[in-house]
Each structure stands twice: as structure tokens, then as C-alpha cells.
Amino acid sequence: MPDRIFMPLCALVALAMIAFSMVWPQGYGERSPGPFGSTPIQQTPEMKALIEKEKTAARRSEQRRAQEAAAAAAASGDPSQ
């Protein structure tokens, strides 16, 4: 490809990437700046409550599994736990 076409094409791609970087979300769940974007679903109160509920359930489940494993180890007489 001739340089007369390639170099302006590279400049156009670079400008497009810079423009997208100014309006694209800046991380997981972050909102784009300015008049662009909307509130991400992860930041709505309903979704935050659901995420916290899932975290709590996972924590309880992990604790229950650990207790069951400890009880099973104690019942079998395994001293490693």
C-alpha cells in the first residue's frame, strides 16, 4: 500500500481511537463522561441490592461447607483439620 494512503489512514484510525477513548467507559461499571452514556445497570439500587444478596448467600454457603467439612473430618477422626 502506498505511503500516501497508509499514513493518512493511520492518522484517521489514531484520531478515531482518541475520540472513542474520551467517551468510552473508563472501567467495569463506570459511566462515560459528559452527555454520553447512561447509568450502568450495576450501579442501580436494585442491582446493588441483588449483588449484595448474592454475595451474602455465597458467604453463608462457603461457611456452611467449611463447617460440614470440619464436622466430617471430626467424625472420621482425621487430625489434619
N, C-alpha and C. Protein backbone atom coordinates (compact mmCIF):
# COMPACT_ATOMS: atom_id res chain seq x y z
N MET A 1 0.85 -1.16 0.00
CA MET A 1 0.00 0.00 0.00
C MET A 1 0.90 1.24 0.00
N PRO A 2 0.61 2.18 -0.83
CA PRO A 2 1.44 3.39 -0.90
C PRO A 2 1.35 4.21 0.39
N ASP A 3 2.45 4.88 0.71
CA ASP A 3 2.50 5.70 1.92
C ASP A 3 1.49 6.85 1.86
N ARG A 4 1.15 7.32 0.68
CA ARG A 4 0.19 8.42 0.54
C ARG A 4 -1.19 8.01 1.04
N ILE A 5 -1.49 6.75 1.03
CA ILE A 5 -2.78 6.26 1.52
C ILE A 5 -2.64 5.76 2.96
N PHE A 6 -1.56 5.06 3.23
CA PHE A 6 -1.36 4.42 4.53
C PHE A 6 -1.24 5.41 5.68
N MET A 7 -0.42 6.43 5.51
CA MET A 7 -0.19 7.38 6.60
C MET A 7 -1.46 8.17 6.98
N PRO A 8 -2.22 8.72 6.02
CA PRO A 8 -3.47 9.37 6.43
C PRO A 8 -4.47 8.40 7.06
N LEU A 9 -4.46 7.15 6.58
CA LEU A 9 -5.34 6.14 7.16
C LEU A 9 -4.95 5.87 8.62
N CYS A 10 -3.65 5.77 8.88
CA CYS A 10 -3.18 5.58 10.26
C CYS A 10 -3.57 6.77 11.14
N ALA A 11 -3.44 7.97 10.61
CA ALA A 11 -3.81 9.16 11.38
C ALA A 11 -5.30 9.16 11.68
N LEU A 12 -6.11 8.76 10.72
CA LEU A 12 -7.56 8.70 10.92
C LEU A 12 -7.91 7.67 11.98
N VAL A 13 -7.28 6.52 11.93
CA VAL A 13 -7.52 5.49 12.94
C VAL A 13 -7.09 5.98 14.31
N ALA A 14 -5.95 6.65 14.39
CA ALA A 14 -5.49 7.18 15.68
C ALA A 14 -6.46 8.21 16.23
N LEU A 15 -6.96 9.09 15.40
CA LEU A 15 -7.94 10.10 15.85
C LEU A 15 -9.23 9.43 16.31
N ALA A 16 -9.65 8.40 15.59
CA ALA A 16 -10.87 7.69 15.99
C ALA A 16 -10.67 7.02 17.35
N MET A 17 -9.50 6.43 17.56
CA MET A 17 -9.23 5.79 18.85
C MET A 17 -9.19 6.81 19.98
N ILE A 18 -8.63 7.97 19.73
CA ILE A 18 -8.61 9.02 20.76
C ILE A 18 -10.03 9.49 21.06
N ALA A 19 -10.84 9.66 20.01
CA ALA A 19 -12.22 10.10 20.23
C ALA A 19 -13.00 9.06 21.02
N PHE A 20 -12.84 7.78 20.69
CA PHE A 20 -13.53 6.73 21.44
C PHE A 20 -13.06 6.67 22.89
N SER A 21 -11.78 6.90 23.12
CA SER A 21 -11.27 6.83 24.49
C SER A 21 -11.85 7.94 25.36
N MET A 22 -12.29 9.03 24.75
CA MET A 22 -12.87 10.14 25.52
C MET A 22 -14.31 9.86 25.94
N VAL A 23 -15.00 8.97 25.25
CA VAL A 23 -16.41 8.73 25.56
C VAL A 23 -16.68 7.31 26.02
N TRP A 24 -15.70 6.43 25.95
CA TRP A 24 -15.90 5.03 26.34
C TRP A 24 -15.81 4.91 27.86
N PRO A 25 -16.55 3.99 28.46
CA PRO A 25 -16.46 3.82 29.93
C PRO A 25 -15.02 3.57 30.37
N GLN A 26 -14.68 4.10 31.52
CA GLN A 26 -13.30 4.06 31.98
C GLN A 26 -13.01 2.85 32.86
N GLY A 27 -13.82 1.86 32.82
CA GLY A 27 -13.60 0.65 33.61
C GLY A 27 -14.91 -0.09 33.77
N TYR A 28 -14.87 -1.21 34.41
CA TYR A 28 -16.07 -2.03 34.58
C TYR A 28 -17.10 -1.29 35.42
N GLY A 29 -18.24 -1.04 34.84
CA GLY A 29 -19.33 -0.39 35.56
C GLY A 29 -19.23 1.11 35.67
N GLU A 30 -18.23 1.71 35.08
CA GLU A 30 -18.09 3.17 35.17
C GLU A 30 -18.89 3.84 34.06
N ARG A 31 -19.35 5.04 34.33
CA ARG A 31 -20.15 5.79 33.38
C ARG A 31 -19.27 6.64 32.48
N SER A 32 -19.66 6.76 31.24
CA SER A 32 -18.93 7.64 30.32
C SER A 32 -19.11 9.09 30.75
N PRO A 33 -18.13 9.94 30.49
CA PRO A 33 -18.25 11.34 30.88
C PRO A 33 -19.17 12.12 29.95
N GLY A 34 -19.52 13.29 30.41
CA GLY A 34 -20.26 14.22 29.56
C GLY A 34 -21.68 13.78 29.27
N PRO A 35 -22.23 14.23 28.17
CA PRO A 35 -23.62 13.88 27.87
C PRO A 35 -23.75 12.45 27.34
N PHE A 36 -22.66 11.72 27.26
CA PHE A 36 -22.70 10.37 26.72
C PHE A 36 -23.00 9.36 27.81
N GLY A 37 -23.47 8.22 27.40
CA GLY A 37 -23.66 7.11 28.32
C GLY A 37 -24.88 7.26 29.19
N SER A 38 -25.09 6.25 29.99
CA SER A 38 -26.18 6.24 30.95
C SER A 38 -25.68 5.50 32.18
N THR A 39 -26.48 5.51 33.23
CA THR A 39 -26.08 4.83 34.46
C THR A 39 -26.01 3.34 34.19
N PRO A 40 -24.86 2.72 34.45
CA PRO A 40 -24.74 1.28 34.23
C PRO A 40 -25.70 0.50 35.12
N ILE A 41 -26.13 -0.63 34.62
CA ILE A 41 -27.09 -1.42 35.37
C ILE A 41 -26.52 -1.88 36.70
N GLN A 42 -25.19 -2.05 36.79
CA GLN A 42 -24.58 -2.48 38.04
C GLN A 42 -24.67 -1.42 39.12
N GLN A 43 -24.93 -0.17 38.75
CA GLN A 43 -24.97 0.90 39.73
C GLN A 43 -26.39 1.29 40.14
N THR A 44 -27.40 0.61 39.62
CA THR A 44 -28.76 0.90 40.04
C THR A 44 -28.99 0.31 41.42
N PRO A 45 -29.84 0.93 42.23
CA PRO A 45 -30.07 0.43 43.59
C PRO A 45 -30.57 -1.02 43.62
N GLU A 46 -31.44 -1.38 42.66
CA GLU A 46 -31.97 -2.74 42.63
C GLU A 46 -30.85 -3.75 42.39
N MET A 47 -29.98 -3.44 41.44
CA MET A 47 -28.90 -4.37 41.11
C MET A 47 -27.87 -4.43 42.24
N LYS A 48 -27.59 -3.29 42.88
CA LYS A 48 -26.67 -3.30 44.01
C LYS A 48 -27.20 -4.19 45.13
N ALA A 49 -28.51 -4.11 45.39
CA ALA A 49 -29.12 -4.95 46.42
C ALA A 49 -29.03 -6.42 46.03
N LEU A 50 -29.27 -6.73 44.78
CA LEU A 50 -29.20 -8.12 44.31
C LEU A 50 -27.77 -8.65 44.41
N ILE A 51 -26.79 -7.85 44.03
CA ILE A 51 -25.39 -8.27 44.10
C ILE A 51 -25.00 -8.53 45.56
N GLU A 52 -25.40 -7.64 46.45
CA GLU A 52 -25.09 -7.83 47.87
C GLU A 52 -25.77 -9.09 48.42
N LYS A 53 -27.00 -9.34 47.99
CA LYS A 53 -27.72 -10.55 48.42
C LYS A 53 -26.99 -11.80 47.95
N GLU A 54 -26.51 -11.79 46.71
CA GLU A 54 -25.77 -12.94 46.17
C GLU A 54 -24.45 -13.14 46.92
N LYS A 55 -23.77 -12.04 47.24
CA LYS A 55 -22.51 -12.15 47.99
C LYS A 55 -22.75 -12.75 49.37
N THR A 56 -23.81 -12.31 50.03
CA THR A 56 -24.13 -12.82 51.36
C THR A 56 -24.47 -14.30 51.29
N ALA A 57 -25.26 -14.70 50.30
CA ALA A 57 -25.62 -16.11 50.14
C ALA A 57 -24.38 -16.96 49.86
N ALA A 58 -23.47 -16.46 49.05
CA ALA A 58 -22.25 -17.20 48.75
C ALA A 58 -21.39 -17.34 50.00
N ARG A 59 -21.31 -16.27 50.80
CA ARG A 59 -20.54 -16.33 52.04
C ARG A 59 -21.12 -17.36 53.00
N ARG A 60 -22.47 -17.36 53.14
CA ARG A 60 -23.11 -18.32 54.03
C ARG A 60 -22.89 -19.75 53.54
N SER A 61 -22.99 -19.94 52.24
CA SER A 61 -22.79 -21.26 51.67
C SER A 61 -21.36 -21.75 51.92
N GLU A 62 -20.40 -20.89 51.74
CA GLU A 62 -19.00 -21.26 51.97
C GLU A 62 -18.76 -21.60 53.44
N GLN A 63 -19.35 -20.83 54.34
CA GLN A 63 -19.21 -21.12 55.76
C GLN A 63 -19.85 -22.45 56.13
N ARG A 64 -21.02 -22.71 55.53
CA ARG A 64 -21.71 -23.98 55.79
C ARG A 64 -20.88 -25.16 55.29
N ARG A 65 -20.30 -25.01 54.09
CA ARG A 65 -19.45 -26.08 53.55
C ARG A 65 -18.24 -26.32 54.42
N ALA A 66 -17.64 -25.25 54.92
CA ALA A 66 -16.47 -25.39 55.79
C ALA A 66 -16.85 -26.10 57.09
N GLN A 67 -18.01 -25.75 57.65
CA GLN A 67 -18.47 -26.39 58.88
C GLN A 67 -18.77 -27.87 58.64
N GLU A 68 -19.39 -28.20 57.51
CA GLU A 68 -19.69 -29.59 57.18
C GLU A 68 -18.40 -30.38 56.99
N ALA A 69 -17.41 -29.77 56.34
CA ALA A 69 -16.13 -30.45 56.14
C ALA A 69 -15.44 -30.69 57.48
N ALA A 70 -15.50 -29.70 58.36
CA ALA A 70 -14.89 -29.85 59.68
C ALA A 70 -15.61 -30.92 60.48
N ALA A 71 -16.94 -30.96 60.39
CA ALA A 71 -17.71 -31.97 61.12
C ALA A 71 -17.42 -33.36 60.57
N ALA A 72 -17.30 -33.47 59.25
CA ALA A 72 -16.99 -34.77 58.64
C ALA A 72 -15.59 -35.22 59.03
N ALA A 73 -14.64 -34.29 59.07
CA ALA A 73 -13.27 -34.63 59.47
C ALA A 73 -13.23 -35.06 60.92
N ALA A 74 -13.99 -34.38 61.77
CA ALA A 74 -14.01 -34.73 63.19
C ALA A 74 -14.68 -36.10 63.39
N ALA A 75 -15.71 -36.38 62.61
CA ALA A 75 -16.40 -37.66 62.72
C ALA A 75 -15.53 -38.81 62.25
N SER A 76 -14.71 -38.57 61.25
CA SER A 76 -13.85 -39.63 60.72
C SER A 76 -12.55 -39.75 61.53
N GLY A 77 -12.28 -38.80 62.38
CA GLY A 77 -11.09 -38.83 63.20
C GLY A 77 -9.85 -38.36 62.47
N ASP A 78 -10.01 -37.61 61.42
CA ASP A 78 -8.88 -37.09 60.65
C ASP A 78 -8.29 -35.89 61.40
N PRO A 79 -7.04 -35.97 61.87
CA PRO A 79 -6.48 -34.85 62.65
C PRO A 79 -5.99 -33.69 61.81
N SER A 80 -6.04 -33.79 60.48
CA SER A 80 -5.50 -32.71 59.65
C SER A 80 -6.37 -31.46 59.65
N GLN A 81 -7.60 -31.59 60.11
CA GLN A 81 -8.46 -30.41 60.10
C GLN A 81 -8.87 -30.02 61.46
